[in-house]
């Protein structure tokens, strides 16, 4: 599936990650990944230090269906900018930010528990 075509309805467990992409639902995807309650799609972020508020608009639009946002920051640890943290807090969404490796594992556990989650995962090598 090419990067500009990914729009998969629903949420699926991530089977593997690395090599700048993810495997899930018997498919592979190159690039960062946004997982909302309604769909999995591309996320145009390559590094944690380039996060801007507009990249979180789709998440905020589905805030009524999300309690926790698992934010995979890549290989390095970045704290999301204050405006993004405030935007999510005002929408009632708790942000849990961590490395992408930890975020994938956390997302899979929360998905298995049928929690109301979203994930934004920066692809890693």
PDB file of N, CA and C in Angstrom:
ATOM      1  N   UNK A   1       0.863  -1.173   0.000  1.00  0.00           N
ATOM      2  CA  UNK A   1       0.000   0.000   0.000  1.00  0.00           C
ATOM      3  C   UNK A   1       0.904   1.230   0.000  1.00  0.00           C
ATOM      4  N   UNK A   2       0.749   2.137  -0.903  1.00  0.00           N
ATOM      5  CA  UNK A   2       1.623   3.299  -0.937  1.00  0.00           C
ATOM      6  C   UNK A   2       1.236   4.280   0.160  1.00  0.00           C
ATOM      7  N   UNK A   3       2.203   5.133   0.531  1.00  0.00           N
ATOM      8  CA  UNK A   3       2.006   6.048   1.646  1.00  0.00           C
ATOM      9  C   UNK A   3       0.818   6.971   1.466  1.00  0.00           C
ATOM     10  N   UNK A   4       0.545   7.382   0.229  1.00  0.00           N
ATOM     11  CA  UNK A   4      -0.543   8.333   0.041  1.00  0.00           C
ATOM     12  C   UNK A   4      -1.904   7.662  -0.106  1.00  0.00           C
ATOM     13  N   UNK A   5      -1.960   6.340  -0.020  1.00  0.00           N
ATOM     14  CA  UNK A   5      -3.220   5.632  -0.172  1.00  0.00           C
ATOM     15  C   UNK A   5      -3.744   5.020   1.123  1.00  0.00           C
ATOM     16  N   UNK A   6      -2.925   4.963   2.159  1.00  0.00           N
ATOM     17  CA  UNK A   6      -3.345   4.234   3.350  1.00  0.00           C
ATOM     18  C   UNK A   6      -4.539   4.885   4.022  1.00  0.00           C
ATOM     19  N   UNK A   7      -5.616   4.152   4.096  1.00  0.00           N
ATOM     20  CA  UNK A   7      -6.826   4.531   4.822  1.00  0.00           C
ATOM     21  C   UNK A   7      -7.565   3.240   5.090  1.00  0.00           C
ATOM     22  N   UNK A   8      -7.229   2.586   6.186  1.00  0.00           N
ATOM     23  CA  UNK A   8      -7.793   1.288   6.516  1.00  0.00           C
ATOM     24  C   UNK A   8      -8.806   1.459   7.638  1.00  0.00           C
ATOM     25  N   UNK A   9     -10.074   1.155   7.398  1.00  0.00           N
ATOM     26  CA  UNK A   9     -11.092   1.311   8.444  1.00  0.00           C
ATOM     27  C   UNK A   9     -10.792   0.431   9.659  1.00  0.00           C
ATOM     28  N   UNK A  10     -11.017   0.968  10.844  1.00  0.00           N
ATOM     29  CA  UNK A  10     -10.858   0.209  12.079  1.00  0.00           C
ATOM     30  C   UNK A  10      -9.465   0.301  12.668  1.00  0.00           C
ATOM     31  N   UNK A  11      -9.273  -0.427  13.764  1.00  0.00           N
ATOM     32  CA  UNK A  11      -7.991  -0.486  14.444  1.00  0.00           C
ATOM     33  C   UNK A  11      -7.507  -1.930  14.447  1.00  0.00           C
ATOM     34  N   UNK A  12      -6.226  -2.119  14.193  1.00  0.00           N
ATOM     35  CA  UNK A  12      -5.630  -3.449  14.146  1.00  0.00           C
ATOM     36  C   UNK A  12      -4.358  -3.463  14.985  1.00  0.00           C
ATOM     37  N   UNK A  13      -4.053  -4.611  15.552  1.00  0.00           N
ATOM     38  CA  UNK A  13      -2.801  -4.769  16.290  1.00  0.00           C
ATOM     39  C   UNK A  13      -1.636  -4.628  15.312  1.00  0.00           C
ATOM     40  N   UNK A  14      -0.543  -4.090  15.809  1.00  0.00           N
ATOM     41  CA  UNK A  14       0.659  -3.964  15.001  1.00  0.00           C
ATOM     42  C   UNK A  14       1.499  -5.213  15.228  1.00  0.00           C
ATOM     43  N   UNK A  15       1.799  -5.906  14.138  1.00  0.00           N
ATOM     44  CA  UNK A  15       2.545  -7.158  14.211  1.00  0.00           C
ATOM     45  C   UNK A  15       4.050  -6.925  14.313  1.00  0.00           C
ATOM     46  N   UNK A  16       4.550  -5.907  13.632  1.00  0.00           N
ATOM     47  CA  UNK A  16       5.979  -5.586  13.695  1.00  0.00           C
ATOM     48  C   UNK A  16       6.188  -4.151  13.250  1.00  0.00           C
ATOM     49  N   UNK A  17       7.383  -3.649  13.534  1.00  0.00           N
ATOM     50  CA  UNK A  17       7.721  -2.267  13.189  1.00  0.00           C
ATOM     51  C   UNK A  17       9.220  -2.196  12.957  1.00  0.00           C
ATOM     52  N   UNK A  18       9.657  -1.142  12.325  1.00  0.00           N
ATOM     53  CA  UNK A  18      11.067  -0.941  12.002  1.00  0.00           C
ATOM     54  C   UNK A  18      11.214  -0.770  10.509  1.00  0.00           C
ATOM     55  N   UNK A  19      12.455  -0.532  10.066  1.00  0.00           N
ATOM     56  CA  UNK A  19      12.712  -0.313   8.647  1.00  0.00           C
ATOM     57  C   UNK A  19      11.801   0.794   8.103  1.00  0.00           C
ATOM     58  N   UNK A  20      11.563   1.790   8.962  1.00  0.00           N
ATOM     59  CA  UNK A  20      10.754   2.969   8.634  1.00  0.00           C
ATOM     60  C   UNK A  20       9.308   2.635   8.278  1.00  0.00           C
ATOM     61  N   UNK A  21       8.745   1.619   8.944  1.00  0.00           N
ATOM     62  CA  UNK A  21       7.354   1.277   8.675  1.00  0.00           C
ATOM     63  C   UNK A  21       6.771   0.328   9.704  1.00  0.00           C
ATOM     64  N   UNK A  22       5.580  -0.179   9.394  1.00  0.00           N
ATOM     65  CA  UNK A  22       4.802  -1.026  10.298  1.00  0.00           C
ATOM     66  C   UNK A  22       4.139  -2.148   9.508  1.00  0.00           C
ATOM     67  N   UNK A  23       3.888  -3.288  10.170  1.00  0.00           N
ATOM     68  CA  UNK A  23       3.103  -4.382   9.594  1.00  0.00           C
ATOM     69  C   UNK A  23       1.888  -4.609  10.473  1.00  0.00           C
ATOM     70  N   UNK A  24       0.729  -4.710   9.823  1.00  0.00           N
ATOM     71  CA  UNK A  24      -0.531  -4.962  10.518  1.00  0.00           C
ATOM     72  C   UNK A  24      -1.542  -5.457   9.490  1.00  0.00           C
ATOM     73  N   UNK A  25      -2.498  -6.237   9.943  1.00  0.00           N
ATOM     74  CA  UNK A  25      -3.583  -6.725   9.071  1.00  0.00           C
ATOM     75  C   UNK A  25      -3.058  -7.317   7.766  1.00  0.00           C
ATOM     76  N   UNK A  26      -1.984  -8.092   7.847  1.00  0.00           N
ATOM     77  CA  UNK A  26      -1.366  -8.724   6.677  1.00  0.00           C
ATOM     78  C   UNK A  26      -0.924  -7.732   5.610  1.00  0.00           C
ATOM     79  N   UNK A  27      -0.579  -6.508   6.028  1.00  0.00           N
ATOM     80  CA  UNK A  27      -0.099  -5.470   5.113  1.00  0.00           C
ATOM     81  C   UNK A  27       1.142  -4.826   5.714  1.00  0.00           C
ATOM     82  N   UNK A  28       1.886  -4.138   4.890  1.00  0.00           N
ATOM     83  CA  UNK A  28       2.986  -3.333   5.396  1.00  0.00           C
ATOM     84  C   UNK A  28       2.779  -1.893   4.944  1.00  0.00           C
ATOM     85  N   UNK A  29       3.276  -0.989   5.766  1.00  0.00           N
ATOM     86  CA  UNK A  29       3.128   0.441   5.499  1.00  0.00           C
ATOM     87  C   UNK A  29       4.449   1.119   5.783  1.00  0.00           C
ATOM     88  N   UNK A  30       4.957   1.891   4.850  1.00  0.00           N
ATOM     89  CA  UNK A  30       6.167   2.685   5.050  1.00  0.00           C
ATOM     90  C   UNK A  30       5.766   4.070   5.513  1.00  0.00           C
ATOM     91  N   UNK A  31       6.420   4.556   6.546  1.00  0.00           N
ATOM     92  CA  UNK A  31       6.152   5.886   7.060  1.00  0.00           C
ATOM     93  C   UNK A  31       5.456   5.836   8.400  1.00  0.00           C
ATOM     94  N   UNK A  32       5.234   6.991   8.975  1.00  0.00           N
ATOM     95  CA  UNK A  32       4.575   7.113  10.275  1.00  0.00           C
ATOM     96  C   UNK A  32       3.092   6.805  10.148  1.00  0.00           C
ATOM     97  N   UNK A  33       2.471   6.480  11.280  1.00  0.00           N
ATOM     98  CA  UNK A  33       1.121   5.924  11.260  1.00  0.00           C
ATOM     99  C   UNK A  33       0.225   6.603  12.287  1.00  0.00           C
ATOM    100  N   UNK A  34      -0.982   6.960  11.869  1.00  0.00           N
ATOM    101  CA  UNK A  34      -1.998   7.516  12.753  1.00  0.00           C
ATOM    102  C   UNK A  34      -3.119   6.488  12.885  1.00  0.00           C
ATOM    103  N   UNK A  35      -3.403   6.099  14.128  1.00  0.00           N
ATOM    104  CA  UNK A  35      -4.444   5.108  14.377  1.00  0.00           C
ATOM    105  C   UNK A  35      -5.547   5.764  15.195  1.00  0.00           C
ATOM    106  N   UNK A  36      -6.677   5.940  14.577  1.00  0.00           N
ATOM    107  CA  UNK A  36      -7.844   6.522  15.225  1.00  0.00           C
ATOM    108  C   UNK A  36      -8.882   5.429  15.442  1.00  0.00           C
ATOM    109  N   UNK A  37      -9.908   5.679  16.246  1.00  0.00           N
ATOM    110  CA  UNK A  37     -10.956   4.676  16.404  1.00  0.00           C
ATOM    111  C   UNK A  37     -11.611   4.286  15.073  1.00  0.00           C
ATOM    112  N   UNK A  38     -11.656   5.210  14.142  1.00  0.00           N
ATOM    113  CA  UNK A  38     -12.337   4.965  12.865  1.00  0.00           C
ATOM    114  C   UNK A  38     -11.447   4.363  11.789  1.00  0.00           C
ATOM    115  N   UNK A  39     -10.131   4.598  11.846  1.00  0.00           N
ATOM    116  CA  UNK A  39      -9.261   4.161  10.746  1.00  0.00           C
ATOM    117  C   UNK A  39      -7.787   4.293  11.094  1.00  0.00           C
ATOM    118  N   UNK A  40      -6.981   3.581  10.315  1.00  0.00           N
ATOM    119  CA  UNK A  40      -5.525   3.706  10.358  1.00  0.00           C
ATOM    120  C   UNK A  40      -5.111   4.419   9.079  1.00  0.00           C
ATOM    121  N   UNK A  41      -4.240   5.427   9.207  1.00  0.00           N
ATOM    122  CA  UNK A  41      -3.848   6.194   8.028  1.00  0.00           C
ATOM    123  C   UNK A  41      -2.435   6.736   8.179  1.00  0.00           C
ATOM    124  N   UNK A  42      -1.949   7.338   7.103  1.00  0.00           N
ATOM    125  CA  UNK A  42      -0.634   7.974   7.113  1.00  0.00           C
ATOM    126  C   UNK A  42      -0.620   9.104   8.135  1.00  0.00           C
ATOM    127  N   UNK A  43       0.574   9.359   8.670  1.00  0.00           N
ATOM    128  CA  UNK A  43       0.760  10.512   9.552  1.00  0.00           C
ATOM    129  C   UNK A  43       2.021  11.206   9.077  1.00  0.00           C
ATOM    130  N   UNK A  44       1.932  12.431   8.580  1.00  0.00           N
ATOM    131  CA  UNK A  44       3.073  13.078   7.925  1.00  0.00           C
ATOM    132  C   UNK A  44       4.109  13.643   8.906  1.00  0.00           C
ATOM    133  N   UNK A  45       4.613  12.800   9.794  1.00  0.00           N
ATOM    134  CA  UNK A  45       5.618  13.227  10.769  1.00  0.00           C
ATOM    135  C   UNK A  45       6.809  12.287  10.651  1.00  0.00           C
ATOM    136  N   UNK A  46       8.000  12.879  10.585  1.00  0.00           N
ATOM    137  CA  UNK A  46       9.210  12.066  10.473  1.00  0.00           C
ATOM    138  C   UNK A  46      10.075  12.138  11.715  1.00  0.00           C
ATOM    139  N   UNK A  47       9.853  13.154  12.540  1.00  0.00           N
ATOM    140  CA  UNK A  47      10.697  13.333  13.716  1.00  0.00           C
ATOM    141  C   UNK A  47       9.908  14.044  14.810  1.00  0.00           C
ATOM    142  N   UNK A  48      10.172  13.684  16.051  1.00  0.00           N
ATOM    143  CA  UNK A  48       9.432  14.249  17.175  1.00  0.00           C
ATOM    144  C   UNK A  48       9.603  15.737  17.362  1.00  0.00           C
ATOM    145  N   UNK A  49      10.693  16.308  16.849  1.00  0.00           N
ATOM    146  CA  UNK A  49      10.886  17.743  17.030  1.00  0.00           C
ATOM    147  C   UNK A  49      10.156  18.584  15.992  1.00  0.00           C
ATOM    148  N   UNK A  50       9.388  17.939  15.111  1.00  0.00           N
ATOM    149  CA  UNK A  50       8.637  18.694  14.097  1.00  0.00           C
ATOM    150  C   UNK A  50       7.125  18.669  14.337  1.00  0.00           C
ATOM    151  N   UNK A  51       6.697  18.274  15.528  1.00  0.00           N
ATOM    152  CA  UNK A  51       5.259  18.203  15.817  1.00  0.00           C
ATOM    153  C   UNK A  51       4.625  19.586  15.841  1.00  0.00           C
ATOM    154  N   UNK A  52       3.485  19.702  15.162  1.00  0.00           N
ATOM    155  CA  UNK A  52       2.718  20.948  15.162  1.00  0.00           C
ATOM    156  C   UNK A  52       1.239  20.610  15.386  1.00  0.00           C
ATOM    157  N   UNK A  53       0.492  21.582  15.814  1.00  0.00           N
ATOM    158  CA  UNK A  53      -0.905  21.365  16.199  1.00  0.00           C
ATOM    159  C   UNK A  53      -1.765  20.797  15.070  1.00  0.00           C
ATOM    160  N   UNK A  54      -1.552  21.224  13.844  1.00  0.00           N
ATOM    161  CA  UNK A  54      -2.404  20.753  12.752  1.00  0.00           C
ATOM    162  C   UNK A  54      -2.293  19.239  12.550  1.00  0.00           C
ATOM    163  N   UNK A  55      -1.181  18.641  12.957  1.00  0.00           N
ATOM    164  CA  UNK A  55      -1.014  17.194  12.821  1.00  0.00           C
ATOM    165  C   UNK A  55      -1.900  16.424  13.804  1.00  0.00           C
ATOM    166  N   UNK A  56      -2.520  17.123  14.740  1.00  0.00           N
ATOM    167  CA  UNK A  56      -3.355  16.492  15.753  1.00  0.00           C
ATOM    168  C   UNK A  56      -4.844  16.790  15.557  1.00  0.00           C
ATOM    169  N   UNK A  57      -5.189  17.496  14.482  1.00  0.00           N
ATOM    170  CA  UNK A  57      -6.588  17.878  14.246  1.00  0.00           C
ATOM    171  C   UNK A  57      -7.515  16.675  14.093  1.00  0.00           C
ATOM    172  N   UNK A  58      -7.081  15.653  13.354  1.00  0.00           N
ATOM    173  CA  UNK A  58      -7.932  14.459  13.179  1.00  0.00           C
ATOM    174  C   UNK A  58      -8.168  13.763  14.514  1.00  0.00           C
ATOM    175  N   UNK A  59      -7.176  13.784  15.383  1.00  0.00           N
ATOM    176  CA  UNK A  59      -7.312  13.177  16.711  1.00  0.00           C
ATOM    177  C   UNK A  59      -8.361  13.942  17.511  1.00  0.00           C
ATOM    178  N   UNK A  60      -8.248  15.250  17.523  1.00  0.00           N
ATOM    179  CA  UNK A  60      -9.180  16.093  18.283  1.00  0.00           C
ATOM    180  C   UNK A  60     -10.597  15.944  17.740  1.00  0.00           C
ATOM    181  N   UNK A  61     -10.744  15.780  16.430  1.00  0.00           N
ATOM    182  CA  UNK A  61     -12.077  15.609  15.836  1.00  0.00           C
ATOM    183  C   UNK A  61     -12.778  14.355  16.347  1.00  0.00           C
ATOM    184  N   UNK A  62     -12.013  13.366  16.785  1.00  0.00           N
ATOM    185  CA  UNK A  62     -12.601  12.119  17.289  1.00  0.00           C
ATOM    186  C   UNK A  62     -12.447  11.999  18.807  1.00  0.00           C
ATOM    187  N   UNK A  63     -12.262  13.111  19.475  1.00  0.00           N
ATOM    188  CA  UNK A  63     -12.014  13.114  20.919  1.00  0.00           C
ATOM    189  C   UNK A  63     -13.103  12.411  21.722  1.00  0.00           C
ATOM    190  N   UNK A  64     -14.331  12.444  21.257  1.00  0.00           N
ATOM    191  CA  UNK A  64     -15.422  11.775  21.974  1.00  0.00           C
ATOM    192  C   UNK A  64     -15.240  10.259  22.035  1.00  0.00           C
ATOM    193  N   UNK A  65     -14.388   9.722  21.176  1.00  0.00           N
ATOM    194  CA  UNK A  65     -14.152   8.275  21.124  1.00  0.00           C
ATOM    195  C   UNK A  65     -12.771   7.880  21.656  1.00  0.00           C
ATOM    196  N   UNK A  66     -12.024   8.857  22.192  1.00  0.00           N
ATOM    197  CA  UNK A  66     -10.635   8.608  22.613  1.00  0.00           C
ATOM    198  C   UNK A  66     -10.432   9.055  24.059  1.00  0.00           C
ATOM    199  N   UNK A  67      -9.919   8.162  24.881  1.00  0.00           N
ATOM    200  CA  UNK A  67      -9.507   8.520  26.238  1.00  0.00           C
ATOM    201  C   UNK A  67      -7.996   8.724  26.320  1.00  0.00           C
ATOM    202  N   UNK A  68      -7.251   7.895  25.581  1.00  0.00           N
ATOM    203  CA  UNK A  68      -5.787   7.909  25.653  1.00  0.00           C
ATOM    204  C   UNK A  68      -5.207   7.986  24.251  1.00  0.00           C
ATOM    205  N   UNK A  69      -4.230   8.879  24.078  1.00  0.00           N
ATOM    206  CA  UNK A  69      -3.442   8.946  22.861  1.00  0.00           C
ATOM    207  C   UNK A  69      -2.052   8.411  23.185  1.00  0.00           C
ATOM    208  N   UNK A  70      -1.678   7.317  22.546  1.00  0.00           N
ATOM    209  CA  UNK A  70      -0.337   6.760  22.685  1.00  0.00           C
ATOM    210  C   UNK A  70       0.509   7.390  21.581  1.00  0.00           C
ATOM    211  N   UNK A  71       1.495   8.158  21.994  1.00  0.00           N
ATOM    212  CA  UNK A  71       2.305   8.929  21.050  1.00  0.00           C
ATOM    213  C   UNK A  71       3.713   8.352  21.000  1.00  0.00           C
ATOM    214  N   UNK A  72       4.043   7.700  19.891  1.00  0.00           N
ATOM    215  CA  UNK A  72       5.373   7.131  19.684  1.00  0.00           C
ATOM    216  C   UNK A  72       6.282   8.172  19.069  1.00  0.00           C
ATOM    217  N   UNK A  73       7.290   8.601  19.827  1.00  0.00           N
ATOM    218  CA  UNK A  73       8.121   9.736  19.447  1.00  0.00           C
ATOM    219  C   UNK A  73       9.356   9.359  18.633  1.00  0.00           C
ATOM    220  N   UNK A  74       9.427   8.153  18.125  1.00  0.00           N
ATOM    221  CA  UNK A  74      10.603   7.719  17.371  1.00  0.00           C
ATOM    222  C   UNK A  74      11.614   7.073  18.304  1.00  0.00           C
ATOM    223  N   UNK A  75      12.893   7.188  17.942  1.00  0.00           N
ATOM    224  CA  UNK A  75      13.965   6.611  18.761  1.00  0.00           C
ATOM    225  C   UNK A  75      14.399   7.529  19.893  1.00  0.00           C
ATOM    226  N   UNK A  76      14.146   8.816  19.747  1.00  0.00           N
ATOM    227  CA  UNK A  76      14.554   9.794  20.757  1.00  0.00           C
ATOM    228  C   UNK A  76      13.348  10.187  21.589  1.00  0.00           C
ATOM    229  N   UNK A  77      13.613  10.664  22.785  1.00  0.00           N
ATOM    230  CA  UNK A  77      12.508  11.095  23.644  1.00  0.00           C
ATOM    231  C   UNK A  77      12.327  12.607  23.500  1.00  0.00           C
ATOM    232  N   UNK A  78      11.169  12.978  23.038  1.00  0.00           N
ATOM    233  CA  UNK A  78      10.773  14.374  22.934  1.00  0.00           C
ATOM    234  C   UNK A  78       9.528  14.563  23.771  1.00  0.00           C
ATOM    235  N   UNK A  79       9.405  15.723  24.365  1.00  0.00           N
ATOM    236  CA  UNK A  79       8.157  16.081  25.039  1.00  0.00           C
ATOM    237  C   UNK A  79       7.329  16.847  24.017  1.00  0.00           C
ATOM    238  N   UNK A  80       6.085  16.442  23.789  1.00  0.00           N
ATOM    239  CA  UNK A  80       5.264  17.177  22.817  1.00  0.00           C
ATOM    240  C   UNK A  80       5.150  18.654  23.231  1.00  0.00           C
ATOM    241  N   UNK A  81       5.128  19.558  22.266  1.00  0.00           N
ATOM    242  CA  UNK A  81       5.017  20.981  22.575  1.00  0.00           C
ATOM    243  C   UNK A  81       3.779  21.280  23.435  1.00  0.00           C
ATOM    244  N   UNK A  82       3.909  22.286  24.269  1.00  0.00           N
ATOM    245  CA  UNK A  82       2.841  22.647  25.204  1.00  0.00           C
ATOM    246  C   UNK A  82       1.498  22.901  24.511  1.00  0.00           C
ATOM    247  N   UNK A  83       1.449  23.595  23.370  1.00  0.00           N
ATOM    248  CA  UNK A  83       0.139  23.802  22.719  1.00  0.00           C
ATOM    249  C   UNK A  83      -0.556  22.481  22.356  1.00  0.00           C
ATOM    250  N   UNK A  84       0.199  21.482  21.962  1.00  0.00           N
ATOM    251  CA  UNK A  84      -0.383  20.183  21.630  1.00  0.00           C
ATOM    252  C   UNK A  84      -0.884  19.499  22.888  1.00  0.00           C
ATOM    253  N   UNK A  85      -0.100  19.542  23.948  1.00  0.00           N
ATOM    254  CA  UNK A  85      -0.534  18.934  25.213  1.00  0.00           C
ATOM    255  C   UNK A  85      -1.798  19.612  25.727  1.00  0.00           C
ATOM    256  N   UNK A  86      -1.866  20.931  25.620  1.00  0.00           N
ATOM    257  CA  UNK A  86      -3.051  21.673  26.069  1.00  0.00           C
ATOM    258  C   UNK A  86      -4.262  21.362  25.198  1.00  0.00           C
ATOM    259  N   UNK A  87      -4.051  21.280  23.897  1.00  0.00           N
ATOM    260  CA  UNK A  87      -5.136  20.983  22.962  1.00  0.00           C
ATOM    261  C   UNK A  87      -5.765  19.626  23.301  1.00  0.00           C
ATOM    262  N   UNK A  88      -4.938  18.624  23.556  1.00  0.00           N
ATOM    263  CA  UNK A  88      -5.446  17.295  23.902  1.00  0.00           C
ATOM    264  C   UNK A  88      -6.121  17.308  25.269  1.00  0.00           C
ATOM    265  N   UNK A  89      -5.534  17.992  26.211  1.00  0.00           N
ATOM    266  CA  UNK A  89      -6.123  18.059  27.557  1.00  0.00           C
ATOM    267  C   UNK A  89      -7.506  18.702  27.507  1.00  0.00           C
ATOM    268  N   UNK A  90      -7.641  19.792  26.763  1.00  0.00           N
ATOM    269  CA  UNK A  90      -8.933  20.469  26.636  1.00  0.00           C
ATOM    270  C   UNK A  90      -9.971  19.573  25.970  1.00  0.00           C
ATOM    271  N   UNK A  91      -9.513  18.659  25.129  1.00  0.00           N
ATOM    272  CA  UNK A  91     -10.429  17.734  24.451  1.00  0.00           C
ATOM    273  C   UNK A  91     -10.714  16.495  25.305  1.00  0.00           C
ATOM    274  N   UNK A  92     -10.073  16.407  26.481  1.00  0.00           N
ATOM    275  CA  UNK A  92     -10.298  15.268  27.368  1.00  0.00           C
ATOM    276  C   UNK A  92      -9.469  14.041  27.032  1.00  0.00           C
ATOM    277  N   UNK A  93      -8.389  14.242  26.289  1.00  0.00           N
ATOM    278  CA  UNK A  93      -7.519  13.143  25.879  1.00  0.00           C
ATOM    279  C   UNK A  93      -6.227  13.180  26.684  1.00  0.00           C
ATOM    280  N   UNK A  94      -5.879  12.063  27.289  1.00  0.00           N
ATOM    281  CA  UNK A  94      -4.608  11.924  28.003  1.00  0.00           C
ATOM    282  C   UNK A  94      -3.551  11.498  27.000  1.00  0.00           C
ATOM    283  N   UNK A  95      -2.412  12.192  26.979  1.00  0.00           N
ATOM    284  CA  UNK A  95      -1.310  11.812  26.088  1.00  0.00           C
ATOM    285  C   UNK A  95      -0.289  11.005  26.886  1.00  0.00           C
ATOM    286  N   UNK A  96       0.033   9.834  26.375  1.00  0.00           N
ATOM    287  CA  UNK A  96       1.123   9.022  26.913  1.00  0.00           C
ATOM    288  C   UNK A  96       2.199   9.004  25.837  1.00  0.00           C
ATOM    289  N   UNK A  97       3.304   9.725  26.056  1.00  0.00           N
ATOM    290  CA  UNK A  97       4.345   9.777  25.041  1.00  0.00           C
ATOM    291  C   UNK A  97       5.558   8.969  25.484  1.00  0.00           C
ATOM    292  N   UNK A  98       6.142   8.285  24.511  1.00  0.00           N
ATOM    293  CA  UNK A  98       7.243   7.348  24.768  1.00  0.00           C
ATOM    294  C   UNK A  98       7.920   7.031  23.446  1.00  0.00           C
ATOM    295  N   UNK A  99       8.941   6.202  23.478  1.00  0.00           N
ATOM    296  CA  UNK A  99       9.575   5.776  22.229  1.00  0.00           C
ATOM    297  C   UNK A  99       8.538   5.008  21.390  1.00  0.00           C
ATOM    298  N   UNK A 100       8.763   4.971  20.099  1.00  0.00           N
ATOM    299  CA  UNK A 100       7.834   4.234  19.237  1.00  0.00           C
ATOM    300  C   UNK A 100       7.799   2.755  19.607  1.00  0.00           C
ATOM    301  N   UNK A 101       8.935   2.176  19.958  1.00  0.00           N
ATOM    302  CA  UNK A 101       8.960   0.757  20.355  1.00  0.00           C
ATOM    303  C   UNK A 101       8.021   0.502  21.528  1.00  0.00           C
ATOM    304  N   UNK A 102       8.125   1.326  22.565  1.00  0.00           N
ATOM    305  CA  UNK A 102       7.244   1.183  23.722  1.00  0.00           C
ATOM    306  C   UNK A 102       5.802   1.517  23.375  1.00  0.00           C
ATOM    307  N   UNK A 103       5.614   2.492  22.497  1.00  0.00           N
ATOM    308  CA  UNK A 103       4.258   2.898  22.111  1.00  0.00           C
ATOM    309  C   UNK A 103       3.524   1.779  21.372  1.00  0.00           C
ATOM    310  N   UNK A 104       4.223   1.065  20.506  1.00  0.00           N
ATOM    311  CA  UNK A 104       3.592  -0.048  19.787  1.00  0.00           C
ATOM    312  C   UNK A 104       3.128  -1.108  20.779  1.00  0.00           C
ATOM    313  N   UNK A 105       3.993  -1.469  21.727  1.00  0.00           N
ATOM    314  CA  UNK A 105       3.609  -2.483  22.717  1.00  0.00           C
ATOM    315  C   UNK A 105       2.439  -1.997  23.570  1.00  0.00           C
ATOM    316  N   UNK A 106       2.490  -0.739  23.999  1.00  0.00           N
ATOM    317  CA  UNK A 106       1.408  -0.171  24.816  1.00  0.00           C
ATOM    318  C   UNK A 106       0.100  -0.142  24.034  1.00  0.00           C
ATOM    319  N   UNK A 107       0.158   0.316  22.794  1.00  0.00           N
ATOM    320  CA  UNK A 107      -1.030   0.351  21.939  1.00  0.00           C
ATOM    321  C   UNK A 107      -1.649  -1.042  21.818  1.00  0.00           C
ATOM    322  N   UNK A 108      -0.825  -2.050  21.539  1.00  0.00           N
ATOM    323  CA  UNK A 108      -1.352  -3.409  21.369  1.00  0.00           C
ATOM    324  C   UNK A 108      -2.027  -3.916  22.633  1.00  0.00           C
ATOM    325  N   UNK A 109      -1.456  -3.635  23.798  1.00  0.00           N
ATOM    326  CA  UNK A 109      -2.066  -4.064  25.064  1.00  0.00           C
ATOM    327  C   UNK A 109      -3.400  -3.350  25.280  1.00  0.00           C
ATOM    328  N   UNK A 110      -3.425  -2.043  25.086  1.00  0.00           N
ATOM    329  CA  UNK A 110      -4.656  -1.275  25.292  1.00  0.00           C
ATOM    330  C   UNK A 110      -5.732  -1.675  24.278  1.00  0.00           C
ATOM    331  N   UNK A 111      -5.321  -1.957  23.059  1.00  0.00           N
ATOM    332  CA  UNK A 111      -6.272  -2.429  22.048  1.00  0.00           C
ATOM    333  C   UNK A 111      -6.870  -3.768  22.473  1.00  0.00           C
ATOM    334  N   UNK A 112      -6.028  -4.656  22.968  1.00  0.00           N
ATOM    335  CA  UNK A 112      -6.498  -5.961  23.425  1.00  0.00           C
ATOM    336  C   UNK A 112      -7.468  -5.823  24.600  1.00  0.00           C
ATOM    337  N   UNK A 113      -7.262  -4.794  25.422  1.00  0.00           N
ATOM    338  CA  UNK A 113      -8.159  -4.524  26.556  1.00  0.00           C
ATOM    339  C   UNK A 113      -9.413  -3.770  26.130  1.00  0.00           C
ATOM    340  N   UNK A 114      -9.535  -3.484  24.846  1.00  0.00           N
ATOM    341  CA  UNK A 114     -10.672  -2.756  24.275  1.00  0.00           C
ATOM    342  C   UNK A 114     -10.844  -1.364  24.879  1.00  0.00           C
ATOM    343  N   UNK A 115      -9.719  -0.711  25.106  1.00  0.00           N
ATOM    344  CA  UNK A 115      -9.743   0.658  25.621  1.00  0.00           C
ATOM    345  C   UNK A 115     -10.021   1.641  24.488  1.00  0.00           C
ATOM    346  N   UNK A 116     -10.463   2.827  24.850  1.00  0.00           N
ATOM    347  CA  UNK A 116     -10.767   3.883  23.870  1.00  0.00           C
ATOM    348  C   UNK A 116      -9.469   4.648  23.584  1.00  0.00           C
ATOM    349  N   UNK A 117      -8.740   4.167  22.571  1.00  0.00           N
ATOM    350  CA  UNK A 117      -7.402   4.696  22.320  1.00  0.00           C
ATOM    351  C   UNK A 117      -7.236   5.195  20.893  1.00  0.00           C
ATOM    352  N   UNK A 118      -6.186   5.983  20.751  1.00  0.00           N
ATOM    353  CA  UNK A 118      -5.656   6.367  19.448  1.00  0.00           C
ATOM    354  C   UNK A 118      -4.144   6.276  19.586  1.00  0.00           C
ATOM    355  N   UNK A 119      -3.464   6.189  18.470  1.00  0.00           N
ATOM    356  CA  UNK A 119      -2.001   6.167  18.495  1.00  0.00           C
ATOM    357  C   UNK A 119      -1.474   6.984  17.324  1.00  0.00           C
ATOM    358  N   UNK A 120      -0.399   7.684  17.571  1.00  0.00           N
ATOM    359  CA  UNK A 120       0.327   8.413  16.541  1.00  0.00           C
ATOM    360  C   UNK A 120       1.776   7.953  16.673  1.00  0.00           C
ATOM    361  N   UNK A 121       2.256   7.245  15.669  1.00  0.00           N
ATOM    362  CA  UNK A 121       3.534   6.548  15.773  1.00  0.00           C
ATOM    363  C   UNK A 121       4.506   7.024  14.702  1.00  0.00           C
ATOM    364  N   UNK A 122       5.637   7.566  15.131  1.00  0.00           N
ATOM    365  CA  UNK A 122       6.683   7.985  14.206  1.00  0.00           C
ATOM    366  C   UNK A 122       7.497   6.751  13.827  1.00  0.00           C
ATOM    367  N   UNK A 123       7.640   6.512  12.538  1.00  0.00           N
ATOM    368  CA  UNK A 123       8.369   5.344  12.044  1.00  0.00           C
ATOM    369  C   UNK A 123       9.838   5.404  12.460  1.00  0.00           C
ATOM    370  N   UNK A 124      10.403   4.221  12.731  1.00  0.00           N
ATOM    371  CA  UNK A 124      11.805   4.120  13.139  1.00  0.00           C
ATOM    372  C   UNK A 124      12.517   3.075  12.279  1.00  0.00           C
ATOM    373  N   UNK A 125      13.848   3.144  12.294  1.00  0.00           N
ATOM    374  CA  UNK A 125      14.657   2.140  11.588  1.00  0.00           C
ATOM    375  C   UNK A 125      14.501   0.855  12.319  1.00  0.00           C
TER     376      UNK A 125
END
